[in-house]
Protein backbone atom coordinates (compact mmCIF):
# COMPACT_ATOMS: atom_id res chain seq x y z
CA MET A 1 14.12 3.12 -31.35
CA ASP A 2 16.30 0.17 -30.53
CA HIS A 3 17.39 0.13 -26.81
CA PRO A 4 20.48 -2.24 -25.84
CA ARG A 5 19.31 -5.25 -23.38
CA GLU A 6 20.96 -3.89 -20.32
CA MET A 7 19.03 -3.18 -17.25
CA ARG A 8 20.25 -1.24 -14.68
CA LEU A 9 18.39 -1.69 -10.64
CA TYR A 10 18.53 1.45 -8.62
CA LEU A 11 18.60 0.08 -5.34
CA GLU A 12 18.92 1.58 -1.71
CA PRO A 13 22.31 0.39 0.09
CA GLY A 14 21.04 -2.47 2.18
CA LEU A 15 18.98 -4.03 -0.71
CA LEU A 16 21.41 -3.58 -3.47
CA ALA A 17 24.25 -5.95 -0.95
CA SER A 18 20.84 -8.10 0.02
CA ALA A 19 20.48 -8.75 -4.28
CA ALA A 20 24.28 -8.41 -4.94
CA ALA A 21 24.35 -11.57 -2.98
CA GLY A 22 21.72 -13.22 -4.37
CA GLN A 23 19.61 -13.19 -0.81
CA HIS A 24 16.75 -11.46 -2.11
CA ASN A 25 13.73 -13.91 -3.60
CA PHE A 26 12.28 -11.10 -5.68
CA LEU A 27 15.12 -9.67 -7.06
CA SER A 28 16.56 -12.80 -7.82
CA LEU A 29 13.60 -13.89 -9.94
CA VAL A 30 13.84 -10.71 -11.78
CA THR A 31 16.92 -10.72 -12.70
CA GLU A 32 16.52 -14.46 -13.60
CA VAL A 33 13.72 -13.40 -16.36
CA LEU A 34 15.47 -10.63 -17.69
CA GLY A 35 18.96 -12.98 -18.37
CA HIS A 36 17.11 -15.93 -20.52
CA ALA A 37 15.89 -12.58 -22.54
CA GLY A 38 19.32 -11.64 -22.77
CA TYR A 39 19.77 -9.12 -20.62
CA ALA A 40 22.99 -7.71 -19.11
CA ILE A 41 21.93 -6.37 -15.33
CA SER A 42 24.29 -4.62 -13.45
CA LEU A 43 23.01 -3.41 -9.82
CA GLU A 44 23.83 0.21 -8.67
CA GLU A 45 23.09 2.65 -5.81
CA THR A 46 20.55 5.29 -5.82
CA GLY A 47 20.70 8.41 -4.94
CA ALA A 48 20.13 12.37 -6.32
CA ARG A 49 22.96 12.05 -8.76
CA ALA A 50 21.95 8.24 -10.08
CA ARG A 51 19.08 9.40 -10.48
CA ALA A 52 20.47 12.48 -12.36
CA ASP A 53 22.06 10.22 -14.68
CA ALA A 54 19.59 7.67 -15.51
CA PRO A 55 18.43 9.14 -18.84
CA ASP A 56 21.38 8.95 -20.43
CA LYS A 57 22.17 5.63 -19.72
CA PRO A 58 21.73 2.60 -22.58
CA GLY A 59 18.56 0.23 -21.94
CA TYR A 60 16.60 0.14 -19.14
CA ALA A 61 16.00 0.84 -15.51
CA LEU A 62 14.00 -0.89 -12.54
CA PHE A 63 13.74 1.74 -9.52
CA HIS A 64 12.91 0.57 -5.91
CA MET A 65 10.23 2.56 -4.48
CA GLU A 66 11.10 5.72 -6.27
CA HIS A 67 10.02 7.64 -9.34
CA PRO A 68 10.94 5.98 -12.38
CA THR A 69 13.21 8.94 -14.80
CA HIS A 70 12.91 8.16 -17.83
CA ASP A 71 10.54 6.30 -19.72
CA ARG A 72 12.57 3.09 -20.71
CA ALA A 73 12.39 2.47 -16.46
CA LEU A 74 10.00 1.02 -14.13
CA THR A 75 9.24 1.27 -10.76
CA PHE A 76 8.94 -2.16 -8.20
CA ARG A 77 7.91 -2.25 -4.26
CA ARG A 78 6.03 -4.98 -2.06
CA VAL A 79 2.32 -4.43 -2.22
CA TYR A 80 2.08 -3.80 1.96
CA HIS A 81 3.62 -7.94 2.69
CA TYR A 82 5.95 -10.15 1.58
CA PRO A 83 6.26 -11.88 -0.71
CA PHE A 84 3.96 -10.01 -2.56
CA TRP A 85 5.68 -7.39 -5.47
CA ALA A 86 4.41 -4.92 -8.33
CA ILE A 87 6.66 -3.49 -11.19
CA GLU A 88 4.78 -0.94 -12.17
CA PRO A 89 5.37 2.26 -14.57
CA PHE A 90 4.39 5.16 -11.62
CA ALA A 91 5.19 5.10 -8.10
CA GLU A 92 1.93 6.30 -6.79
CA ARG A 93 0.49 3.43 -5.73
CA TRP A 94 -3.13 4.93 -6.86
CA ASN A 95 -1.69 4.66 -10.17
CA TRP A 96 -1.44 1.47 -10.55
CA ARG A 97 -3.29 -1.21 -12.43
CA VAL A 98 -5.32 -3.22 -10.05
CA ALA A 99 -6.46 0.79 -8.69
CA ARG A 100 -7.81 1.23 -12.84
CA ARG A 101 -9.19 -3.15 -12.33
CA THR A 102 -12.77 -3.51 -11.33
CA PHE A 103 -13.30 -6.15 -8.74
CA ARG A 104 -15.26 -8.49 -9.35
CA PRO A 105 -16.12 -11.40 -6.62
CA GLU A 106 -17.97 -13.51 -8.34
CA GLU A 107 -15.72 -14.90 -9.97
CA ILE A 108 -13.68 -16.11 -7.57
CA ASP A 109 -13.96 -19.06 -6.19
CA ARG A 110 -15.09 -18.08 -2.48
CA ALA A 111 -13.67 -21.59 -1.12
CA GLU A 112 -10.17 -20.80 -1.81
CA ALA A 113 -10.24 -17.45 -1.26
CA GLN A 114 -11.58 -18.51 2.50
CA THR A 115 -8.64 -20.47 2.90
CA PHE A 116 -6.21 -17.69 1.51
CA PHE A 117 -6.92 -15.33 4.00
CA LYS A 118 -7.37 -17.23 6.76
CA ARG A 119 -3.67 -17.93 6.78
CA TRP A 120 -2.39 -14.45 6.54
CA GLN A 121 -4.61 -13.48 8.67
CA LYS A 122 -2.72 -16.33 11.44
CA ARG A 123 1.00 -15.49 9.91
CA LEU A 124 0.37 -11.45 9.77
CA PHE A 125 -1.27 -11.11 13.07
CA LYS A 126 -1.80 -14.84 14.80
CA ASP A 127 -5.12 -15.32 16.36
CA ALA A 128 -5.70 -11.07 17.13
CA PRO A 129 -8.46 -11.08 14.18
CA SER A 130 -10.56 -13.59 15.65
CA LYS A 131 -10.63 -11.67 18.91
CA ALA A 132 -12.02 -9.09 16.95
CA THR A 133 -14.74 -6.53 18.56
CA ARG A 134 -16.48 -3.37 18.27
CA GLU A 135 -16.65 -1.01 20.88
CA GLY A 136 -17.47 1.91 19.06
CA ALA A 137 -14.68 3.23 18.31
CA VAL A 138 -13.38 5.49 15.31
CA TYR A 139 -9.35 4.49 14.55
CA VAL A 140 -7.72 7.27 12.40
CA PRO A 141 -4.28 6.29 11.62
CA LEU A 142 -2.55 9.57 10.69
CA GLN A 143 -0.09 9.83 8.47
CA SER A 144 2.63 12.95 7.16
CA ARG A 145 1.97 16.55 6.51
CA LEU A 146 -1.45 17.01 8.80
CA LEU A 147 -2.55 20.84 8.03
CA GLU A 148 -1.70 20.33 4.02
CA HIS A 149 -4.12 19.66 1.62
CA ARG A 150 -2.71 16.90 -1.72
CA LEU A 151 -3.74 16.30 -4.64
CA PHE A 152 -4.51 13.15 -3.97
CA GLN A 153 -6.38 13.97 -0.76
CA THR A 154 -9.86 15.12 -0.73
CA CYS A 155 -8.89 17.55 1.97
CA ALA A 156 -6.19 18.40 4.73
CA PRO A 157 -5.57 15.33 7.21
CA ILE A 158 -6.63 17.87 10.36
CA GLU A 159 -9.51 18.43 7.88
CA MET A 160 -10.43 14.79 7.88
CA LEU A 161 -10.43 14.60 11.36
CA GLU A 162 -13.18 17.63 11.76
CA ARG A 163 -15.28 15.65 9.39
CA THR A 164 -15.16 12.67 11.10
CA LEU A 165 -15.60 13.76 14.28
CA GLU A 166 -18.60 15.79 12.46
CA GLY A 167 -19.91 12.86 10.24
CA ASP A 168 -20.09 10.03 12.88
CA PRO A 169 -21.84 12.64 16.33
CA HIS A 170 -20.95 9.29 18.86
CA ARG A 171 -18.52 7.34 18.36
CA LYS A 172 -14.90 7.75 20.20
CA ILE A 173 -12.34 8.81 17.43
CA LEU A 174 -9.04 7.28 17.89
CA ALA A 175 -6.71 9.21 16.29
CA THR A 176 -2.70 7.97 15.93
CA LEU A 177 0.29 9.60 14.37
CA HIS A 178 2.62 8.14 12.41
CA PRO A 179 5.52 6.59 14.56
CA LYS A 180 8.05 7.64 11.45
CA VAL A 181 7.31 10.81 11.01
CA THR A 182 8.25 14.30 12.99
CA TYR A 183 6.08 16.55 13.30
CA SER A 184 5.54 20.58 13.63
CA LYS A 185 4.53 22.34 16.87
CA ALA A 186 1.76 23.42 14.14
CA GLU A 187 0.42 20.12 13.39
CA LEU A 188 0.65 18.58 17.06
CA ARG A 189 -1.22 22.10 18.06
CA ALA A 190 -4.30 21.62 15.67
CA VAL A 191 -4.74 18.08 17.02
CA LYS A 192 -4.91 19.74 20.39
CA ASP A 193 -6.92 22.10 19.93
CA LEU A 194 -9.62 20.02 17.61
CA SER A 195 -9.60 17.51 20.83
CA ARG A 196 -10.46 20.16 23.23
CA ARG A 197 -13.68 21.42 21.08
CA PHE A 198 -14.65 17.63 20.87
CA PRO A 199 -13.81 16.12 23.46
CA ARG A 200 -14.03 12.87 21.93
CA LEU A 201 -11.15 12.23 20.03
CA GLN A 202 -8.55 11.00 21.53
CA LEU A 203 -4.44 11.04 20.61
CA SER A 204 -3.65 7.56 20.81
CA LYS A 205 -0.12 5.82 21.79
CA ALA A 206 -1.91 2.32 21.53
CA PRO A 207 -0.63 0.01 18.94
CA MET A 208 -2.05 -0.74 15.11
CA GLU A 209 -3.19 -4.29 15.61
CA GLN A 210 -5.31 -3.26 18.98
CA CYS A 211 -6.46 0.06 17.35
CA LEU A 212 -7.41 -2.43 14.59
CA GLN A 213 -8.81 -5.98 16.83
CA ALA A 214 -11.03 -2.66 19.01
CA CYS A 215 -12.58 -0.45 16.42
CA ASP A 216 -15.99 0.05 15.22
CA TYR A 217 -14.33 1.42 11.19
CA VAL A 218 -11.57 2.81 9.80
CA VAL A 219 -10.80 6.23 8.86
CA THR A 220 -7.81 7.43 6.99
CA GLU A 221 -6.67 9.45 3.95
CA ASN A 222 -4.84 6.53 2.42
CA SER A 223 -3.26 4.60 5.31
CA ALA A 224 -1.94 1.28 4.75
CA ALA A 225 -3.46 0.50 8.46
CA ALA A 226 -6.81 0.04 6.24
CA PHE A 227 -5.60 -2.41 4.58
CA SER A 228 -4.06 -4.00 7.49
CA GLY A 229 -7.76 -3.74 8.83
CA PHE A 230 -9.68 -5.95 6.17
CA PHE A 231 -7.50 -9.07 8.08
CA PHE A 232 -9.82 -8.05 11.17
CA GLU A 233 -12.43 -7.01 8.92
CA LYS A 234 -12.85 -3.62 9.72
CA PRO A 235 -13.97 -1.59 6.63
CA ALA A 236 -12.47 1.32 5.48
CA LEU A 237 -13.84 4.91 5.03
CA LEU A 238 -10.42 6.49 2.51
CA PHE A 239 -10.35 10.92 2.36
CA GLY A 240 -7.78 9.77 -0.34
CA ARG A 241 -6.59 7.68 -3.39
CA ILE A 242 -4.83 4.35 -3.49
CA ASP A 243 -4.89 1.16 -5.10
CA PHE A 244 -7.00 -1.05 -2.24
CA HIS A 245 -10.01 1.30 -2.60
CA HIS A 246 -11.98 -1.57 -4.03
CA ILE A 247 -14.29 -2.59 -1.15
CA ALA A 248 -13.57 0.98 0.66
CA LEU A 249 -16.78 3.83 0.92
CA GLY A 250 -15.46 7.66 1.09
CA PRO A 251 -16.47 11.16 2.86
CA GLU A 252 -20.06 11.25 1.70
CA ASP A 253 -20.72 7.63 4.07
CA PHE A 254 -20.12 7.73 7.42
CA ASP A 255 -23.63 7.04 7.02
CA GLN A 256 -23.14 3.09 6.59
CA ILE A 257 -19.91 2.58 6.69
CA ALA A 258 -20.03 1.00 10.43
CA GLU A 259 -22.65 -1.30 8.71
CA HIS A 260 -20.64 -2.03 5.37
CA ARG A 261 -19.59 -5.76 5.11
CA PRO A 262 -17.68 -6.19 2.22
CA ASP A 263 -15.99 -9.86 1.47
CA PHE A 264 -12.99 -9.54 2.11
CA ALA A 265 -11.75 -12.96 1.94
CA THR A 266 -12.40 -12.58 -1.69
CA TYR A 267 -10.94 -9.45 -2.36
CA ILE A 268 -7.36 -10.03 -0.42
CA TRP A 269 -7.13 -13.23 -2.79
CA TRP A 270 -7.72 -10.91 -6.05
CA PHE A 271 -6.02 -7.86 -4.70
CA TRP A 272 -3.03 -10.29 -4.10
CA GLN A 273 -2.65 -13.45 -6.29
CA LYS A 274 -4.59 -12.34 -9.19
CA MET A 275 -3.99 -8.48 -9.34
CA SER A 276 0.06 -8.64 -8.08
CA ILE A 277 3.09 -11.06 -8.07
CA ASN A 278 3.46 -13.75 -5.37
CA ALA A 279 6.80 -14.20 -5.30
CA GLY A 280 6.82 -17.72 -3.62
CA ARG A 281 4.65 -18.90 -6.07
CA ASP A 282 5.82 -20.66 -9.64
CA ASP A 283 3.92 -18.88 -11.73
CA ALA A 284 5.95 -15.93 -10.57
CA PRO A 285 8.43 -15.36 -13.43
CA GLN A 286 5.76 -15.50 -15.81
CA LYS A 287 3.81 -12.67 -13.40
CA ILE A 288 7.43 -10.78 -13.73
CA ALA A 289 7.66 -10.92 -17.58
CA GLY A 290 4.10 -9.52 -18.27
CA ALA A 291 4.78 -6.47 -15.62
CA LEU A 292 7.62 -5.83 -17.98
CA ARG A 293 6.09 -6.32 -20.91
CA ARG A 294 3.02 -3.58 -19.70
CA GLY A 295 5.29 -1.74 -19.02
CA GLY A 296 7.25 -1.57 -21.97
CA ILE A 297 10.73 -4.11 -21.59
CA PRO A 298 11.10 -6.02 -24.66
CA LEU A 299 11.67 -9.39 -24.14
């Protein structure tokens, strides 16, 4: 069945205002690509009612960081930092195209990757990565729902903490709470009880950058802090599914994680320059068009 060439972008208020004013570079590129393909584009405020009504609207849709509500819709999301983006059929990062691809470092120009990597180390974290040390600590950035074992996780976060303490019986464990999450009394009590059982476990308020600078490695379900850790050349051990899993290890790898030395620079280049849409590059429109076509949007 042919659908009319209409595209609705469902955006939260701040992003909607930015897009309407032509001040959002990535969305300007998206609308330019769609406009050249003959699409009539409308910007709409997202919300429960708008999402419920979306499947009945003609044409196609793009949602920002939300599950697509029908088979003519895709989602778009920043790939951890500007100006890198993805357009995908799924909101869950572990289902994205990059997550299913094999990382082949031998196919990448290492000198180019190193230059790119060093530039982004400096841009994101200034001189902090060059001063990184290993001080005998494991950094565990906790996320939400500490007592629940969700489908994309190996175990509940509180169990992850316990397994980390058992898997690495010597290092200090520095756990941090997510600043945007309100934890229940039961969650906080569970962490405190575990710290009483294991004095090596410390609930720290230190900022992410400080923890990444000093730790030996990162353990998390799938926190973006582990991706940031790659810029400090700190290996990650993951207890959950995510898109940047290729150079990480898993829950059975505590015996080798501290000595794990993947090619961080080459991986970051592959993940961002090859597998993401860099809205600052000349090839961004072509990559946007490719992502839309892969998602079933005819151009």
